[in-house]
C-alpha atoms as a PDB file:
ATOM      1  CA  UNK A   1     181.886  32.898  25.713  1.00  0.00           C
ATOM      2  CA  UNK A   2     182.040  35.014  28.809  1.00  0.00           C
ATOM      3  CA  UNK A   3     182.355  38.456  28.486  1.00  0.00           C
ATOM      4  CA  UNK A   4     184.844  40.781  30.374  1.00  0.00           C
ATOM      5  CA  UNK A   5     182.315  42.518  32.706  1.00  0.00           C
ATOM      6  CA  UNK A   6     184.580  43.477  35.542  1.00  0.00           C
ATOM      7  CA  UNK A   7     185.864  47.053  35.918  1.00  0.00           C
ATOM      8  CA  UNK A   8     188.711  46.940  33.906  1.00  0.00           C
ATOM      9  CA  UNK A   9     188.462  44.843  30.963  1.00  0.00           C
ATOM     10  CA  UNK A  10     191.050  46.399  28.686  1.00  0.00           C
ATOM     11  CA  UNK A  11     193.612  46.360  31.103  1.00  0.00           C
ATOM     12  CA  UNK A  12     192.863  43.006  32.309  1.00  0.00           C
ATOM     13  CA  UNK A  13     193.437  42.067  28.217  1.00  0.00           C
ATOM     14  CA  UNK A  14     196.650  43.761  28.113  1.00  0.00           C
ATOM     15  CA  UNK A  15     197.778  41.644  31.257  1.00  0.00           C
ATOM     16  CA  UNK A  16     196.882  38.758  29.403  1.00  0.00           C
ATOM     17  CA  UNK A  17     198.289  39.209  26.504  1.00  0.00           C
ATOM     18  CA  UNK A  18     201.682  40.395  28.398  1.00  0.00           C
ATOM     19  CA  UNK A  19     201.391  37.280  30.391  1.00  0.00           C
ATOM     20  CA  UNK A  20     201.028  34.859  27.218  1.00  0.00           C
ATOM     21  CA  UNK A  21     203.701  36.837  25.129  1.00  0.00           C
ATOM     22  CA  UNK A  22     206.033  36.359  28.131  1.00  0.00           C
ATOM     23  CA  UNK A  23     205.194  32.757  28.782  1.00  0.00           C
ATOM     24  CA  UNK A  24     206.034  31.897  25.132  1.00  0.00           C
ATOM     25  CA  UNK A  25     209.353  33.671  25.234  1.00  0.00           C
ATOM     26  CA  UNK A  26     210.167  32.311  28.372  1.00  0.00           C
ATOM     27  CA  UNK A  27     209.659  28.546  27.177  1.00  0.00           C
ATOM     28  CA  UNK A  28     211.656  29.353  24.081  1.00  0.00           C
ATOM     29  CA  UNK A  29     214.690  30.692  26.274  1.00  0.00           C
ATOM     30  CA  UNK A  30     214.206  28.054  28.771  1.00  0.00           C
ATOM     31  CA  UNK A  31     214.104  25.170  25.993  1.00  0.00           C
ATOM     32  CA  UNK A  32     216.615  26.644  23.733  1.00  0.00           C
ATOM     33  CA  UNK A  33     219.066  28.423  25.866  1.00  0.00           C
ATOM     34  CA  UNK A  34     219.495  29.072  29.593  1.00  0.00           C
ATOM     35  CA  UNK A  35     217.246  27.441  31.815  1.00  0.00           C
ATOM     36  CA  UNK A  36     217.712  30.040  34.545  1.00  0.00           C
ATOM     37  CA  UNK A  37     216.808  32.953  32.772  1.00  0.00           C
ATOM     38  CA  UNK A  38     214.111  31.111  31.073  1.00  0.00           C
ATOM     39  CA  UNK A  39     212.848  30.542  34.516  1.00  0.00           C
ATOM     40  CA  UNK A  40     213.181  33.994  35.179  1.00  0.00           C
ATOM     41  CA  UNK A  41     211.047  35.451  32.606  1.00  0.00           C
ATOM     42  CA  UNK A  42     208.454  32.700  33.255  1.00  0.00           C
ATOM     43  CA  UNK A  43     208.304  33.841  36.768  1.00  0.00           C
ATOM     44  CA  UNK A  44     208.022  37.720  35.540  1.00  0.00           C
ATOM     45  CA  UNK A  45     205.387  36.849  33.075  1.00  0.00           C
ATOM     46  CA  UNK A  46     203.137  34.880  35.788  1.00  0.00           C
ATOM     47  CA  UNK A  47     203.439  37.923  38.361  1.00  0.00           C
ATOM     48  CA  UNK A  48     201.222  39.913  35.414  1.00  0.00           C
ATOM     49  CA  UNK A  49     198.897  36.886  35.318  1.00  0.00           C
ATOM     50  CA  UNK A  50     198.391  37.257  39.283  1.00  0.00           C
ATOM     51  CA  UNK A  51     197.772  41.184  38.722  1.00  0.00           C
ATOM     52  CA  UNK A  52     195.086  40.067  36.388  1.00  0.00           C
ATOM     53  CA  UNK A  53     193.680  37.631  38.379  1.00  0.00           C
ATOM     54  CA  UNK A  54     193.361  39.928  41.563  1.00  0.00           C
ATOM     55  CA  UNK A  55     191.654  42.631  39.369  1.00  0.00           C
ATOM     56  CA  UNK A  56     189.057  40.021  38.537  1.00  0.00           C
ATOM     57  CA  UNK A  57     188.442  38.682  41.862  1.00  0.00           C
ATOM     58  CA  UNK A  58     188.317  42.176  43.380  1.00  0.00           C
ATOM     59  CA  UNK A  59     185.819  43.303  40.551  1.00  0.00           C
END
């Protein structure tokens, strides 16, 4: 298992948790309710993942 060796390991973990929760909630909304709102929630969650990946690449 790879360790978080970057400059911001805790921040990256928090951003990953926010992404995972947002993705799960977004898919649930998408499947059980309004597809438009579900898509918006998933896209918002993806923005957190993009920030996390940017931090990982910058190191």
